[in-house]
Amino acid sequence: MNENLIVQDDWVPAACTLPTVEQPLRRADFDDLFAQDVLRVHQTSPQQIRFELRAAPDVAARAASLAVKETDCCSFFTFDLTITDGKVAMIVSTAPSHEPVLAAMAARAHAQVGANQ
C-alpha cells in the first residue's frame, strides 16, 4: 500500500516509493532540518532550491544522511551538498515534471526556517 497521507501540500508525490506509514516521519525529518539548520532558502529556478545550512559538521552529516534516504525513495530528486569557504549548502534539483513537488518543498522550508532557533 502506497497511498499518500500527506496530500494537502503536494509534499509526497505518487512517484514516491516510501511506505505510507513512514512518510510522516520523513516529513518530520525535513521539518527538523528546515527549522534547526537551514538559514536561508533560495529557489534558484522552478527546478532547483538552494538551502544555506548552519556550518557545522553534524549539520552537514545530517543533511547528507537525509539526502541519501530521500533519493532511495524519490529518485527524481538530485541532492548536492557543498562545503566551501566555511559555508554549507544543499542544492535540491528535479526534472520539470516534478516542479510542483519541489515548489511544495520550498514552501514547507520557508514556513519552517528558524522555527526552533
PDB file of N, CA and C in Angstrom:
ATOM      1  N   MET A   1       0.847  -1.176   0.000  1.00  0.00           N
ATOM      2  CA  MET A   1       0.000   0.000   0.000  1.00  0.00           C
ATOM      3  C   MET A   1       0.886   1.229   0.000  1.00  0.00           C
ATOM      4  N   ASN A   2       0.614   2.155  -0.920  1.00  0.00           N
ATOM      5  CA  ASN A   2       1.427   3.353  -1.014  1.00  0.00           C
ATOM      6  C   ASN A   2       0.561   4.578  -1.268  1.00  0.00           C
ATOM      7  N   GLU A   3      -0.582   4.642  -0.615  1.00  0.00           N
ATOM      8  CA  GLU A   3      -1.417   5.825  -0.726  1.00  0.00           C
ATOM      9  C   GLU A   3      -0.755   6.939   0.068  1.00  0.00           C
ATOM     10  N   ASN A   4      -0.833   8.148  -0.438  1.00  0.00           N
ATOM     11  CA  ASN A   4      -0.190   9.262   0.224  1.00  0.00           C
ATOM     12  C   ASN A   4      -1.087   9.862   1.291  1.00  0.00           C
ATOM     13  N   LEU A   5      -0.563   9.943   2.505  1.00  0.00           N
ATOM     14  CA  LEU A   5      -1.294  10.539   3.608  1.00  0.00           C
ATOM     15  C   LEU A   5      -1.180  12.057   3.601  1.00  0.00           C
ATOM     16  N   ILE A   6      -0.125  12.563   2.997  1.00  0.00           N
ATOM     17  CA  ILE A   6       0.177  13.976   3.084  1.00  0.00           C
ATOM     18  C   ILE A   6      -0.128  14.626   1.740  1.00  0.00           C
ATOM     19  N   VAL A   7      -1.378  14.885   1.481  1.00  0.00           N
ATOM     20  CA  VAL A   7      -1.761  15.417   0.175  1.00  0.00           C
ATOM     21  C   VAL A   7      -2.076  16.906   0.207  1.00  0.00           C
ATOM     22  N   GLN A   8      -2.203  17.505   1.373  1.00  0.00           N
ATOM     23  CA  GLN A   8      -2.629  18.884   1.445  1.00  0.00           C
ATOM     24  C   GLN A   8      -1.642  19.866   0.840  1.00  0.00           C
ATOM     25  N   ASP A   9      -0.362  19.509   0.714  1.00  0.00           N
ATOM     26  CA  ASP A   9       0.584  20.450   0.130  1.00  0.00           C
ATOM     27  C   ASP A   9       1.465  19.802  -0.932  1.00  0.00           C
ATOM     28  N   ASP A  10       1.013  18.714  -1.513  1.00  0.00           N
ATOM     29  CA  ASP A  10       1.749  18.029  -2.571  1.00  0.00           C
ATOM     30  C   ASP A  10       3.143  17.617  -2.139  1.00  0.00           C
ATOM     31  N   TRP A  11       3.345  17.444  -0.847  1.00  0.00           N
ATOM     32  CA  TRP A  11       4.669  17.092  -0.323  1.00  0.00           C
ATOM     33  C   TRP A  11       5.125  15.727  -0.804  1.00  0.00           C
ATOM     34  N   VAL A  12       4.224  14.777  -0.865  1.00  0.00           N
ATOM     35  CA  VAL A  12       4.591  13.415  -1.259  1.00  0.00           C
ATOM     36  C   VAL A  12       3.933  13.093  -2.597  1.00  0.00           C
ATOM     37  N   PRO A  13       4.717  12.992  -3.654  1.00  0.00           N
ATOM     38  CA  PRO A  13       4.148  12.679  -4.964  1.00  0.00           C
ATOM     39  C   PRO A  13       3.844  11.197  -5.106  1.00  0.00           C
ATOM     40  N   ALA A  14       3.025  10.854  -6.061  1.00  0.00           N
ATOM     41  CA  ALA A  14       2.674   9.461  -6.304  1.00  0.00           C
ATOM     42  C   ALA A  14       3.903   8.629  -6.654  1.00  0.00           C
ATOM     43  N   ALA A  15       4.951   9.255  -7.210  1.00  0.00           N
ATOM     44  CA  ALA A  15       6.161   8.525  -7.597  1.00  0.00           C
ATOM     45  C   ALA A  15       7.015   8.106  -6.400  1.00  0.00           C
ATOM     46  N   CYS A  16       6.694   8.585  -5.214  1.00  0.00           N
ATOM     47  CA  CYS A  16       7.452   8.235  -4.012  1.00  0.00           C
ATOM     48  C   CYS A  16       7.201   6.775  -3.648  1.00  0.00           C
ATOM     49  N   THR A  17       8.273   6.050  -3.387  1.00  0.00           N
ATOM     50  CA  THR A  17       8.136   4.638  -3.027  1.00  0.00           C
ATOM     51  C   THR A  17       8.281   4.396  -1.523  1.00  0.00           C
ATOM     52  N   LEU A  18       8.408   5.461  -0.743  1.00  0.00           N
ATOM     53  CA  LEU A  18       8.481   5.315   0.706  1.00  0.00           C
ATOM     54  C   LEU A  18       7.140   4.795   1.211  1.00  0.00           C
ATOM     55  N   PRO A  19       7.150   3.753   2.044  1.00  0.00           N
ATOM     56  CA  PRO A  19       5.870   3.235   2.563  1.00  0.00           C
ATOM     57  C   PRO A  19       5.064   4.350   3.236  1.00  0.00           C
ATOM     58  N   THR A  20       3.788   4.321   3.046  1.00  0.00           N
ATOM     59  CA  THR A  20       2.888   5.349   3.545  1.00  0.00           C
ATOM     60  C   THR A  20       3.098   5.643   5.023  1.00  0.00           C
ATOM     61  N   VAL A  21       3.267   4.616   5.819  1.00  0.00           N
ATOM     62  CA  VAL A  21       3.422   4.794   7.260  1.00  0.00           C
ATOM     63  C   VAL A  21       4.703   5.565   7.604  1.00  0.00           C
ATOM     64  N   GLU A  22       5.702   5.529   6.752  1.00  0.00           N
ATOM     65  CA  GLU A  22       6.970   6.217   7.009  1.00  0.00           C
ATOM     66  C   GLU A  22       6.988   7.651   6.482  1.00  0.00           C
ATOM     67  N   GLN A  23       6.040   8.026   5.646  1.00  0.00           N
ATOM     68  CA  GLN A  23       6.053   9.355   5.043  1.00  0.00           C
ATOM     69  C   GLN A  23       5.963  10.493   6.068  1.00  0.00           C
ATOM     70  N   PRO A  24       5.102  10.412   7.081  1.00  0.00           N
ATOM     71  CA  PRO A  24       5.085  11.494   8.081  1.00  0.00           C
ATOM     72  C   PRO A  24       6.407  11.608   8.848  1.00  0.00           C
ATOM     73  N   LEU A  25       7.086  10.496   9.044  1.00  0.00           N
ATOM     74  CA  LEU A  25       8.380  10.529   9.736  1.00  0.00           C
ATOM     75  C   LEU A  25       9.429  11.246   8.891  1.00  0.00           C
ATOM     76  N   ARG A  26       9.438  10.981   7.594  1.00  0.00           N
ATOM     77  CA  ARG A  26      10.387  11.655   6.704  1.00  0.00           C
ATOM     78  C   ARG A  26      10.086  13.145   6.638  1.00  0.00           C
ATOM     79  N   ARG A  27       8.814  13.452   6.586  1.00  0.00           N
ATOM     80  CA  ARG A  27       8.425  14.869   6.573  1.00  0.00           C
ATOM     81  C   ARG A  27       8.913  15.551   7.844  1.00  0.00           C
ATOM     82  N   ALA A  28       8.802  14.886   8.968  1.00  0.00           N
ATOM     83  CA  ALA A  28       9.287  15.441  10.234  1.00  0.00           C
ATOM     84  C   ALA A  28      10.803  15.628  10.206  1.00  0.00           C
ATOM     85  N   ASP A  29      11.522  14.701   9.572  1.00  0.00           N
ATOM     86  CA  ASP A  29      12.977  14.848   9.443  1.00  0.00           C
ATOM     87  C   ASP A  29      13.313  16.113   8.650  1.00  0.00           C
ATOM     88  N   PHE A  30      12.600  16.348   7.551  1.00  0.00           N
ATOM     89  CA  PHE A  30      12.828  17.561   6.777  1.00  0.00           C
ATOM     90  C   PHE A  30      12.431  18.796   7.574  1.00  0.00           C
ATOM     91  N   ASP A  31      11.301  18.745   8.281  1.00  0.00           N
ATOM     92  CA  ASP A  31      10.878  19.880   9.100  1.00  0.00           C
ATOM     93  C   ASP A  31      11.948  20.232  10.124  1.00  0.00           C
ATOM     94  N   ASP A  32      12.536  19.224  10.752  1.00  0.00           N
ATOM     95  CA  ASP A  32      13.615  19.449  11.723  1.00  0.00           C
ATOM     96  C   ASP A  32      14.814  20.130  11.071  1.00  0.00           C
ATOM     97  N   LEU A  33      15.214  19.619   9.922  1.00  0.00           N
ATOM     98  CA  LEU A  33      16.341  20.221   9.206  1.00  0.00           C
ATOM     99  C   LEU A  33      16.018  21.671   8.867  1.00  0.00           C
ATOM    100  N   PHE A  34      14.836  21.916   8.324  1.00  0.00           N
ATOM    101  CA  PHE A  34      14.448  23.277   7.961  1.00  0.00           C
ATOM    102  C   PHE A  34      14.437  24.202   9.180  1.00  0.00           C
ATOM    103  N   ALA A  35      13.849  23.748  10.267  1.00  0.00           N
ATOM    104  CA  ALA A  35      13.676  24.590  11.450  1.00  0.00           C
ATOM    105  C   ALA A  35      14.980  24.820  12.218  1.00  0.00           C
ATOM    106  N   GLN A  36      15.823  23.810  12.275  1.00  0.00           N
ATOM    107  CA  GLN A  36      17.017  23.910  13.111  1.00  0.00           C
ATOM    108  C   GLN A  36      18.279  24.311  12.362  1.00  0.00           C
ATOM    109  N   ASP A  37      18.387  23.921  11.104  1.00  0.00           N
ATOM    110  CA  ASP A  37      19.674  24.040  10.433  1.00  0.00           C
ATOM    111  C   ASP A  37      19.687  24.868   9.156  1.00  0.00           C
ATOM    112  N   VAL A  38      18.551  25.163   8.585  1.00  0.00           N
ATOM    113  CA  VAL A  38      18.515  25.959   7.354  1.00  0.00           C
ATOM    114  C   VAL A  38      18.467  27.441   7.737  1.00  0.00           C
ATOM    115  N   LEU A  39      19.409  28.190   7.184  1.00  0.00           N
ATOM    116  CA  LEU A  39      19.461  29.625   7.445  1.00  0.00           C
ATOM    117  C   LEU A  39      18.685  30.420   6.407  1.00  0.00           C
ATOM    118  N   ARG A  40      18.778  29.989   5.140  1.00  0.00           N
ATOM    119  CA  ARG A  40      18.101  30.662   4.048  1.00  0.00           C
ATOM    120  C   ARG A  40      17.688  29.661   2.988  1.00  0.00           C
ATOM    121  N   VAL A  41      16.602  29.990   2.291  1.00  0.00           N
ATOM    122  CA  VAL A  41      16.092  29.173   1.193  1.00  0.00           C
ATOM    123  C   VAL A  41      16.055  30.046  -0.050  1.00  0.00           C
ATOM    124  N   HIS A  42      16.686  29.571  -1.117  1.00  0.00           N
ATOM    125  CA  HIS A  42      16.666  30.290  -2.386  1.00  0.00           C
ATOM    126  C   HIS A  42      16.154  29.329  -3.456  1.00  0.00           C
ATOM    127  N   GLN A  43      15.004  29.625  -4.032  1.00  0.00           N
ATOM    128  CA  GLN A  43      14.557  28.825  -5.167  1.00  0.00           C
ATOM    129  C   GLN A  43      15.165  29.474  -6.395  1.00  0.00           C
ATOM    130  N   THR A  44      16.263  28.899  -6.869  1.00  0.00           N
ATOM    131  CA  THR A  44      17.039  29.494  -7.955  1.00  0.00           C
ATOM    132  C   THR A  44      16.376  29.321  -9.317  1.00  0.00           C
ATOM    133  N   SER A  45      15.492  28.345  -9.418  1.00  0.00           N
ATOM    134  CA  SER A  45      14.695  28.118 -10.628  1.00  0.00           C
ATOM    135  C   SER A  45      13.545  27.201 -10.231  1.00  0.00           C
ATOM    136  N   PRO A  46      12.563  26.992 -11.105  1.00  0.00           N
ATOM    137  CA  PRO A  46      11.473  26.072 -10.770  1.00  0.00           C
ATOM    138  C   PRO A  46      11.960  24.637 -10.544  1.00  0.00           C
ATOM    139  N   GLN A  47      13.171  24.351 -10.980  1.00  0.00           N
ATOM    140  CA  GLN A  47      13.717  23.000 -10.847  1.00  0.00           C
ATOM    141  C   GLN A  47      14.835  22.890  -9.813  1.00  0.00           C
ATOM    142  N   GLN A  48      15.101  23.975  -9.065  1.00  0.00           N
ATOM    143  CA  GLN A  48      16.226  23.919  -8.132  1.00  0.00           C
ATOM    144  C   GLN A  48      16.012  24.832  -6.924  1.00  0.00           C
ATOM    145  N   ILE A  49      16.343  24.288  -5.755  1.00  0.00           N
ATOM    146  CA  ILE A  49      16.323  25.041  -4.497  1.00  0.00           C
ATOM    147  C   ILE A  49      17.710  24.935  -3.872  1.00  0.00           C
ATOM    148  N   ARG A  50      18.173  26.043  -3.306  1.00  0.00           N
ATOM    149  CA  ARG A  50      19.434  26.047  -2.563  1.00  0.00           C
ATOM    150  C   ARG A  50      19.117  26.364  -1.104  1.00  0.00           C
ATOM    151  N   PHE A  51      19.498  25.444  -0.226  1.00  0.00           N
ATOM    152  CA  PHE A  51      19.339  25.645   1.210  1.00  0.00           C
ATOM    153  C   PHE A  51      20.703  25.993   1.794  1.00  0.00           C
ATOM    154  N   GLU A  52      20.813  27.161   2.414  1.00  0.00           N
ATOM    155  CA  GLU A  52      22.036  27.506   3.139  1.00  0.00           C
ATOM    156  C   GLU A  52      21.880  26.953   4.547  1.00  0.00           C
ATOM    157  N   LEU A  53      22.848  26.137   4.941  1.00  0.00           N
ATOM    158  CA  LEU A  53      22.784  25.440   6.224  1.00  0.00           C
ATOM    159  C   LEU A  53      23.767  26.034   7.223  1.00  0.00           C
ATOM    160  N   ARG A  54      23.502  25.795   8.489  1.00  0.00           N
ATOM    161  CA  ARG A  54      24.483  26.159   9.521  1.00  0.00           C
ATOM    162  C   ARG A  54      25.769  25.400   9.217  1.00  0.00           C
ATOM    163  N   ALA A  55      26.883  26.065   9.369  1.00  0.00           N
ATOM    164  CA  ALA A  55      28.175  25.461   9.060  1.00  0.00           C
ATOM    165  C   ALA A  55      28.700  24.690  10.268  1.00  0.00           C
ATOM    166  N   ALA A  56      28.228  23.468  10.390  1.00  0.00           N
ATOM    167  CA  ALA A  56      28.657  22.591  11.474  1.00  0.00           C
ATOM    168  C   ALA A  56      28.738  21.168  10.926  1.00  0.00           C
ATOM    169  N   PRO A  57      29.740  20.400  11.356  1.00  0.00           N
ATOM    170  CA  PRO A  57      29.892  19.035  10.831  1.00  0.00           C
ATOM    171  C   PRO A  57      28.651  18.165  11.019  1.00  0.00           C
ATOM    172  N   ASP A  58      27.991  18.273  12.168  1.00  0.00           N
ATOM    173  CA  ASP A  58      26.814  17.434  12.399  1.00  0.00           C
ATOM    174  C   ASP A  58      25.661  17.821  11.474  1.00  0.00           C
ATOM    175  N   VAL A  59      25.566  19.096  11.112  1.00  0.00           N
ATOM    176  CA  VAL A  59      24.519  19.548  10.203  1.00  0.00           C
ATOM    177  C   VAL A  59      24.776  18.989   8.803  1.00  0.00           C
ATOM    178  N   ALA A  60      26.021  19.077   8.348  1.00  0.00           N
ATOM    179  CA  ALA A  60      26.365  18.533   7.026  1.00  0.00           C
ATOM    180  C   ALA A  60      26.098  17.039   6.983  1.00  0.00           C
ATOM    181  N   ALA A  61      26.443  16.339   8.050  1.00  0.00           N
ATOM    182  CA  ALA A  61      26.222  14.895   8.109  1.00  0.00           C
ATOM    183  C   ALA A  61      24.732  14.573   8.100  1.00  0.00           C
ATOM    184  N   ARG A  62      23.954  15.341   8.845  1.00  0.00           N
ATOM    185  CA  ARG A  62      22.508  15.103   8.893  1.00  0.00           C
ATOM    186  C   ARG A  62      21.863  15.366   7.539  1.00  0.00           C
ATOM    187  N   ALA A  63      22.268  16.453   6.880  1.00  0.00           N
ATOM    188  CA  ALA A  63      21.730  16.770   5.554  1.00  0.00           C
ATOM    189  C   ALA A  63      22.099  15.681   4.552  1.00  0.00           C
ATOM    190  N   ALA A  64      23.337  15.205   4.613  1.00  0.00           N
ATOM    191  CA  ALA A  64      23.778  14.145   3.697  1.00  0.00           C
ATOM    192  C   ALA A  64      22.993  12.858   3.944  1.00  0.00           C
ATOM    193  N   SER A  65      22.792  12.513   5.186  1.00  0.00           N
ATOM    194  CA  SER A  65      22.037  11.300   5.526  1.00  0.00           C
ATOM    195  C   SER A  65      20.597  11.396   5.023  1.00  0.00           C
ATOM    196  N   LEU A  66      19.983  12.539   5.214  1.00  0.00           N
ATOM    197  CA  LEU A  66      18.610  12.738   4.749  1.00  0.00           C
ATOM    198  C   LEU A  66      18.538  12.680   3.221  1.00  0.00           C
ATOM    199  N   ALA A  67      19.523  13.253   2.551  1.00  0.00           N
ATOM    200  CA  ALA A  67      19.560  13.216   1.089  1.00  0.00           C
ATOM    201  C   ALA A  67      19.669  11.782   0.574  1.00  0.00           C
ATOM    202  N   VAL A  68      20.510  10.984   1.209  1.00  0.00           N
ATOM    203  CA  VAL A  68      20.662   9.587   0.794  1.00  0.00           C
ATOM    204  C   VAL A  68      19.345   8.839   0.983  1.00  0.00           C
ATOM    205  N   LYS A  69      18.699   9.031   2.117  1.00  0.00           N
ATOM    206  CA  LYS A  69      17.415   8.370   2.375  1.00  0.00           C
ATOM    207  C   LYS A  69      16.364   8.795   1.358  1.00  0.00           C
ATOM    208  N   GLU A  70      16.327  10.090   1.060  1.00  0.00           N
ATOM    209  CA  GLU A  70      15.294  10.603   0.168  1.00  0.00           C
ATOM    210  C   GLU A  70      15.488  10.117  -1.270  1.00  0.00           C
ATOM    211  N   THR A  71      16.721  10.042  -1.731  1.00  0.00           N
ATOM    212  CA  THR A  71      16.938   9.571  -3.101  1.00  0.00           C
ATOM    213  C   THR A  71      16.639   8.092  -3.238  1.00  0.00           C
ATOM    214  N   ASP A  72      16.616   7.378  -2.124  1.00  0.00           N
ATOM    215  CA  ASP A  72      16.269   5.963  -2.163  1.00  0.00           C
ATOM    216  C   ASP A  72      14.797   5.765  -2.529  1.00  0.00           C
ATOM    217  N   CYS A  73      13.940   6.678  -2.112  1.00  0.00           N
ATOM    218  CA  CYS A  73      12.504   6.531  -2.390  1.00  0.00           C
ATOM    219  C   CYS A  73      12.001   7.506  -3.447  1.00  0.00           C
ATOM    220  N   CYS A  74      12.706   8.603  -3.613  1.00  0.00           N
ATOM    221  CA  CYS A  74      12.293   9.627  -4.580  1.00  0.00           C
ATOM    222  C   CYS A  74      13.476   9.928  -5.495  1.00  0.00           C
ATOM    223  N   SER A  75      13.729   9.008  -6.399  1.00  0.00           N
ATOM    224  CA  SER A  75      14.913   9.103  -7.251  1.00  0.00           C
ATOM    225  C   SER A  75      14.854  10.265  -8.237  1.00  0.00           C
ATOM    226  N   PHE A  76      13.728  10.957  -8.309  1.00  0.00           N
ATOM    227  CA  PHE A  76      13.611  12.108  -9.198  1.00  0.00           C
ATOM    228  C   PHE A  76      14.283  13.347  -8.616  1.00  0.00           C
ATOM    229  N   PHE A  77      14.719  13.296  -7.348  1.00  0.00           N
ATOM    230  CA  PHE A  77      15.469  14.383  -6.733  1.00  0.00           C
ATOM    231  C   PHE A  77      16.962  14.146  -6.917  1.00  0.00           C
ATOM    232  N   THR A  78      17.704  15.230  -7.084  1.00  0.00           N
ATOM    233  CA  THR A  78      19.155  15.205  -7.039  1.00  0.00           C
ATOM    234  C   THR A  78      19.580  16.140  -5.912  1.00  0.00           C
ATOM    235  N   PHE A  79      20.457  15.660  -5.045  1.00  0.00           N
ATOM    236  CA  PHE A  79      20.957  16.463  -3.936  1.00  0.00           C
ATOM    237  C   PHE A  79      22.453  16.685  -4.121  1.00  0.00           C
ATOM    238  N   ASP A  80      22.875  17.927  -3.978  1.00  0.00           N
ATOM    239  CA  ASP A  80      24.298  18.268  -3.994  1.00  0.00           C
ATOM    240  C   ASP A  80      24.606  19.007  -2.707  1.00  0.00           C
ATOM    241  N   LEU A  81      25.548  18.476  -1.947  1.00  0.00           N
ATOM    242  CA  LEU A  81      25.981  19.115  -0.711  1.00  0.00           C
ATOM    243  C   LEU A  81      27.336  19.750  -0.974  1.00  0.00           C
ATOM    244  N   THR A  82      27.438  21.047  -0.718  1.00  0.00           N
ATOM    245  CA  THR A  82      28.707  21.738  -0.932  1.00  0.00           C
ATOM    246  C   THR A  82      29.184  22.357   0.370  1.00  0.00           C
ATOM    247  N   ILE A  83      30.480  22.258   0.578  1.00  0.00           N
ATOM    248  CA  ILE A  83      31.104  22.847   1.753  1.00  0.00           C
ATOM    249  C   ILE A  83      32.308  23.627   1.235  1.00  0.00           C
ATOM    250  N   THR A  84      32.234  24.939   1.351  1.00  0.00           N
ATOM    251  CA  THR A  84      33.313  25.779   0.856  1.00  0.00           C
ATOM    252  C   THR A  84      33.312  27.113   1.594  1.00  0.00           C
ATOM    253  N   ASP A  85      34.494  27.653   1.810  1.00  0.00           N
ATOM    254  CA  ASP A  85      34.648  28.952   2.468  1.00  0.00           C
ATOM    255  C   ASP A  85      33.883  29.043   3.785  1.00  0.00           C
ATOM    256  N   GLY A  86      33.842  27.950   4.532  1.00  0.00           N
ATOM    257  CA  GLY A  86      33.158  27.948   5.818  1.00  0.00           C
ATOM    258  C   GLY A  86      31.650  27.963   5.726  1.00  0.00           C
ATOM    259  N   LYS A  87      31.119  27.666   4.553  1.00  0.00           N
ATOM    260  CA  LYS A  87      29.661  27.646   4.362  1.00  0.00           C
ATOM    261  C   LYS A  87      29.231  26.271   3.882  1.00  0.00           C
ATOM    262  N   VAL A  88      28.021  25.897   4.253  1.00  0.00           N
ATOM    263  CA  VAL A  88      27.445  24.614   3.843  1.00  0.00           C
ATOM    264  C   VAL A  88      26.134  24.896   3.119  1.00  0.00           C
ATOM    265  N   ALA A  89      25.955  24.242   1.980  1.00  0.00           N
ATOM    266  CA  ALA A  89      24.709  24.407   1.220  1.00  0.00           C
ATOM    267  C   ALA A  89      24.283  23.056   0.669  1.00  0.00           C
ATOM    268  N   MET A  90      22.984  22.875   0.576  1.00  0.00           N
ATOM    269  CA  MET A  90      22.420  21.695  -0.061  1.00  0.00           C
ATOM    270  C   MET A  90      21.524  22.191  -1.189  1.00  0.00           C
ATOM    271  N   ILE A  91      21.820  21.726  -2.394  1.00  0.00           N
ATOM    272  CA  ILE A  91      21.026  22.089  -3.559  1.00  0.00           C
ATOM    273  C   ILE A  91      20.186  20.882  -3.946  1.00  0.00           C
ATOM    274  N   VAL A  92      18.887  21.101  -4.076  1.00  0.00           N
ATOM    275  CA  VAL A  92      17.952  20.049  -4.461  1.00  0.00           C
ATOM    276  C   VAL A  92      17.421  20.400  -5.843  1.00  0.00           C
ATOM    277  N   SER A  93      17.537  19.446  -6.765  1.00  0.00           N
ATOM    278  CA  SER A  93      17.085  19.656  -8.141  1.00  0.00           C
ATOM    279  C   SER A  93      16.135  18.541  -8.545  1.00  0.00           C
ATOM    280  N   THR A  94      15.335  18.835  -9.567  1.00  0.00           N
ATOM    281  CA  THR A  94      14.424  17.835 -10.117  1.00  0.00           C
ATOM    282  C   THR A  94      14.122  18.167 -11.576  1.00  0.00           C
ATOM    283  N   ALA A  95      13.472  17.248 -12.236  1.00  0.00           N
ATOM    284  CA  ALA A  95      13.064  17.433 -13.631  1.00  0.00           C
ATOM    285  C   ALA A  95      11.803  18.303 -13.685  1.00  0.00           C
ATOM    286  N   PRO A  96      11.511  18.880 -14.840  1.00  0.00           N
ATOM    287  CA  PRO A  96      10.311  19.717 -14.965  1.00  0.00           C
ATOM    288  C   PRO A  96       9.022  19.011 -14.529  1.00  0.00           C
ATOM    289  N   SER A  97       8.934  17.729 -14.729  1.00  0.00           N
ATOM    290  CA  SER A  97       7.712  17.007 -14.365  1.00  0.00           C
ATOM    291  C   SER A  97       7.467  16.967 -12.856  1.00  0.00           C
ATOM    292  N   HIS A  98       8.489  17.255 -12.050  1.00  0.00           N
ATOM    293  CA  HIS A  98       8.330  17.246 -10.593  1.00  0.00           C
ATOM    294  C   HIS A  98       8.500  18.630  -9.964  1.00  0.00           C
ATOM    295  N   GLU A  99       8.386  19.667 -10.783  1.00  0.00           N
ATOM    296  CA  GLU A  99       8.490  21.026 -10.261  1.00  0.00           C
ATOM    297  C   GLU A  99       7.475  21.317  -9.146  1.00  0.00           C
ATOM    298  N   PRO A 100       6.227  20.838  -9.239  1.00  0.00           N
ATOM    299  CA  PRO A 100       5.276  21.107  -8.149  1.00  0.00           C
ATOM    300  C   PRO A 100       5.723  20.501  -6.812  1.00  0.00           C
ATOM    301  N   VAL A 101       6.387  19.370  -6.854  1.00  0.00           N
ATOM    302  CA  VAL A 101       6.880  18.747  -5.623  1.00  0.00           C
ATOM    303  C   VAL A 101       7.981  19.612  -5.018  1.00  0.00           C
ATOM    304  N   LEU A 102       8.870  20.110  -5.866  1.00  0.00           N
ATOM    305  CA  LEU A 102       9.946  20.972  -5.398  1.00  0.00           C
ATOM    306  C   LEU A 102       9.380  22.286  -4.845  1.00  0.00           C
ATOM    307  N   ALA A 103       8.375  22.811  -5.496  1.00  0.00           N
ATOM    308  CA  ALA A 103       7.727  24.033  -5.004  1.00  0.00           C
ATOM    309  C   ALA A 103       7.105  23.802  -3.633  1.00  0.00           C
ATOM    310  N   ALA A 104       6.500  22.638  -3.425  1.00  0.00           N
ATOM    311  CA  ALA A 104       5.924  22.306  -2.122  1.00  0.00           C
ATOM    312  C   ALA A 104       7.015  22.195  -1.071  1.00  0.00           C
ATOM    313  N   MET A 105       8.172  21.619  -1.444  1.00  0.00           N
ATOM    314  CA  MET A 105       9.297  21.529  -0.511  1.00  0.00           C
ATOM    315  C   MET A 105       9.780  22.932  -0.136  1.00  0.00           C
ATOM    316  N   ALA A 106       9.890  23.815  -1.117  1.00  0.00           N
ATOM    317  CA  ALA A 106      10.333  25.186  -0.858  1.00  0.00           C
ATOM    318  C   ALA A 106       9.360  25.912   0.069  1.00  0.00           C
ATOM    319  N   ALA A 107       8.066  25.750  -0.166  1.00  0.00           N
ATOM    320  CA  ALA A 107       7.060  26.386   0.681  1.00  0.00           C
ATOM    321  C   ALA A 107       7.148  25.866   2.108  1.00  0.00           C
ATOM    322  N   ARG A 108       7.329  24.562   2.236  1.00  0.00           N
ATOM    323  CA  ARG A 108       7.455  23.952   3.564  1.00  0.00           C
ATOM    324  C   ARG A 108       8.693  24.492   4.270  1.00  0.00           C
ATOM    325  N   ALA A 109       9.787  24.592   3.540  1.00  0.00           N
ATOM    326  CA  ALA A 109      11.031  25.100   4.124  1.00  0.00           C
ATOM    327  C   ALA A 109      10.865  26.546   4.585  1.00  0.00           C
ATOM    328  N   HIS A 110      10.278  27.382   3.728  1.00  0.00           N
ATOM    329  CA  HIS A 110      10.072  28.785   4.095  1.00  0.00           C
ATOM    330  C   HIS A 110       9.246  28.896   5.376  1.00  0.00           C
ATOM    331  N   ALA A 111       8.249  28.049   5.531  1.00  0.00           N
ATOM    332  CA  ALA A 111       7.387  28.078   6.713  1.00  0.00           C
ATOM    333  C   ALA A 111       8.113  27.612   7.974  1.00  0.00           C
ATOM    334  N   GLN A 112       9.124  26.773   7.818  1.00  0.00           N
ATOM    335  CA  GLN A 112       9.811  26.183   8.969  1.00  0.00           C
ATOM    336  C   GLN A 112      11.112  26.869   9.354  1.00  0.00           C
ATOM    337  N   VAL A 113      11.770  27.540   8.414  1.00  0.00           N
ATOM    338  CA  VAL A 113      13.100  28.104   8.671  1.00  0.00           C
ATOM    339  C   VAL A 113      13.082  28.979   9.919  1.00  0.00           C
ATOM    340  N   GLY A 114      13.968  28.649  10.825  1.00  0.00           N
ATOM    341  CA  GLY A 114      14.117  29.424  12.042  1.00  0.00           C
ATOM    342  C   GLY A 114      13.077  29.156  13.120  1.00  0.00           C
ATOM    343  N   ALA A 115      12.190  28.220  12.898  1.00  0.00           N
ATOM    344  CA  ALA A 115      11.125  27.964  13.872  1.00  0.00           C
ATOM    345  C   ALA A 115      11.668  27.538  15.240  1.00  0.00           C
ATOM    346  N   ASN A 116      12.791  26.837  15.272  1.00  0.00           N
ATOM    347  CA  ASN A 116      13.342  26.338  16.540  1.00  0.00           C
ATOM    348  C   ASN A 116      14.657  27.014  16.920  1.00  0.00           C
ATOM    349  N   GLN A 117      14.967  28.124  16.285  1.00  0.00           N
ATOM    350  CA  GLN A 117      16.250  28.793  16.591  1.00  0.00           C
ATOM    351  C   GLN A 117      16.064  29.840  17.658  1.00  0.00           C
TER     352      GLN A 117
END
